[in-house]
Amino acid sequence: MTTILIIDDSKLSRTMTKRALSEAGYETVEADNGRVGLQMLKEHQPDCITLDLLMPEMDGQQVLAAMRDEGIGIPVVVVTANIQEDVRKECLALGAFDVINKPNMRGEEFVAVIANALLSAGE
């Protein structure tokens, strides 16, 4: 089964993301900050990651940079309330597959982005 790692400090966001992914047939694991997310990445070897940017301990950009530095090529979909274009460009430059705006995220569209990310990785 395809596993998606959800890294987000908001319990509500994780719950909503998990629901959408579970309904689409994906297995999920969760982390409430970037540092825990990197540990979960190594333990669970997910097929894709959804990543918030603003989190305690280690933010999303730091997670993306750590993954790049360690040569981890798992597709990452950044899901954030930060809609600034420079932040989007930075995330894409750090290796994110796509950046989705949280307030505008809809279940079907979100799952389609995840499916495309998985296809890009050969899943």
Protein backbone atom coordinates (compact mmCIF):
# COMPACT_ATOMS: atom_id res chain seq x y z
CA MET A 1 0.00 0.00 0.00
CA THR A 2 1.16 3.53 -0.77
CA THR A 3 2.09 5.46 2.37
CA ILE A 4 1.96 9.23 2.77
CA LEU A 5 3.78 10.99 5.62
CA ILE A 6 1.85 14.03 6.90
CA ILE A 7 4.12 16.57 8.61
CA ASP A 8 2.08 19.38 10.16
CA ASP A 9 1.94 20.88 13.65
CA SER A 10 -1.82 21.45 13.41
CA LYS A 11 -3.82 18.46 14.63
CA LEU A 12 -6.85 19.70 12.68
CA SER A 13 -4.85 19.96 9.44
CA ARG A 14 -3.38 16.50 9.95
CA THR A 15 -6.85 15.07 10.59
CA MET A 16 -8.31 16.68 7.45
CA THR A 17 -5.35 15.60 5.33
CA LYS A 18 -5.48 12.07 6.71
CA ARG A 19 -9.21 11.83 5.97
CA ALA A 20 -8.78 12.91 2.34
CA LEU A 21 -5.87 10.55 1.78
CA SER A 22 -7.49 7.60 3.56
CA GLU A 23 -10.67 8.01 1.50
CA ALA A 24 -8.48 7.85 -1.63
CA GLY A 25 -6.98 4.56 -0.43
CA TYR A 26 -3.64 5.76 0.93
CA GLU A 27 -2.09 4.71 4.22
CA THR A 28 -0.85 7.62 6.34
CA VAL A 29 1.61 8.26 9.14
CA GLU A 30 1.83 11.58 10.98
CA ALA A 31 4.43 13.86 12.54
CA ASP A 32 3.73 17.08 14.43
CA ASN A 33 6.96 18.89 13.53
CA GLY A 34 9.82 18.74 11.05
CA ARG A 35 12.31 17.02 13.33
CA VAL A 36 9.89 14.18 14.11
CA GLY A 37 8.95 14.13 10.42
CA LEU A 38 12.53 13.39 9.39
CA GLN A 39 12.68 10.55 11.93
CA MET A 40 9.38 9.15 10.63
CA LEU A 41 10.70 9.44 7.09
CA LYS A 42 13.59 7.13 7.94
CA GLU A 43 11.45 4.72 9.97
CA HIS A 44 8.47 4.38 7.60
CA GLN A 45 10.01 5.13 4.18
CA PRO A 46 6.84 6.74 2.81
CA ASP A 47 6.11 7.12 -0.89
CA CYS A 48 5.21 10.82 -0.60
CA ILE A 49 5.16 13.59 2.01
CA THR A 50 2.74 16.43 2.70
CA LEU A 51 4.58 19.21 4.50
CA ASP A 52 3.51 22.32 6.37
CA LEU A 53 5.98 25.22 6.46
CA LEU A 54 5.40 27.01 9.76
CA MET A 55 6.15 24.54 12.55
CA PRO A 56 8.10 24.53 15.82
CA GLU A 57 11.55 22.95 16.16
CA MET A 58 12.15 22.54 12.42
CA ASP A 59 10.14 24.30 9.72
CA GLY A 60 9.20 23.01 6.29
CA GLN A 61 12.03 24.73 4.43
CA GLN A 62 14.52 23.16 6.84
CA VAL A 63 12.98 19.73 6.20
CA LEU A 64 13.24 20.24 2.44
CA ALA A 65 16.87 21.37 2.78
CA ALA A 66 17.73 18.37 4.98
CA MET A 67 16.12 15.99 2.48
CA ARG A 68 18.04 17.61 -0.38
CA ASP A 69 21.31 17.47 1.55
CA GLU A 70 20.76 13.77 2.35
CA GLY A 71 19.79 12.96 -1.25
CA ILE A 72 16.25 11.87 -0.33
CA GLY A 73 14.16 12.05 -3.50
CA ILE A 74 10.69 11.30 -2.14
CA PRO A 75 8.12 13.70 -3.64
CA VAL A 76 6.98 16.43 -1.26
CA VAL A 77 3.80 18.45 -1.57
CA VAL A 78 3.98 21.58 0.57
CA VAL A 79 0.60 22.52 2.06
CA THR A 80 0.76 25.97 3.61
CA ALA A 81 -1.22 29.07 4.49
CA ASN A 82 1.75 31.16 3.30
CA ILE A 83 0.84 32.31 -0.21
CA GLN A 84 3.86 34.51 -0.92
CA GLU A 85 5.35 33.80 -4.35
CA ASP A 86 8.96 33.97 -3.07
CA VAL A 87 8.16 31.24 -0.50
CA ARG A 88 6.63 29.08 -3.24
CA LYS A 89 9.71 29.54 -5.43
CA GLU A 90 12.02 28.71 -2.52
CA CYS A 91 10.14 25.48 -1.78
CA LEU A 92 10.24 24.42 -5.43
CA ALA A 93 13.96 25.25 -5.59
CA LEU A 94 14.51 23.07 -2.50
CA GLY A 95 12.87 20.16 -4.32
CA ALA A 96 9.15 20.30 -3.49
CA PHE A 97 6.93 18.76 -6.15
CA ASP A 98 4.21 21.37 -5.65
CA VAL A 99 2.97 24.01 -3.20
CA ILE A 100 -0.73 24.11 -2.29
CA ASN A 101 -2.46 26.91 -0.42
CA LYS A 102 -4.25 25.48 2.67
CA PRO A 103 -7.32 27.69 2.60
CA ASN A 104 -7.97 26.76 -1.05
CA MET A 105 -7.20 23.06 -0.71
CA ARG A 106 -10.07 20.81 -1.75
CA GLY A 107 -10.11 17.04 -1.27
CA GLU A 108 -10.28 15.95 -4.91
CA GLU A 109 -7.75 18.54 -6.10
CA PHE A 110 -5.41 17.70 -3.23
CA VAL A 111 -5.59 13.96 -3.90
CA ALA A 112 -4.95 14.64 -7.61
CA VAL A 113 -1.75 16.54 -6.74
CA ILE A 114 -0.64 13.65 -4.51
CA ALA A 115 -1.36 11.16 -7.32
CA ASN A 116 0.69 13.27 -9.76
CA ALA A 117 3.54 13.49 -7.26
CA LEU A 118 3.51 9.71 -6.91
CA LEU A 119 3.45 9.29 -10.71
CA SER A 120 6.46 11.60 -11.01
CA ALA A 121 8.33 9.28 -8.66
CA GLY A 122 7.31 6.19 -10.61
CA GLU A 123 4.73 4.85 -8.12
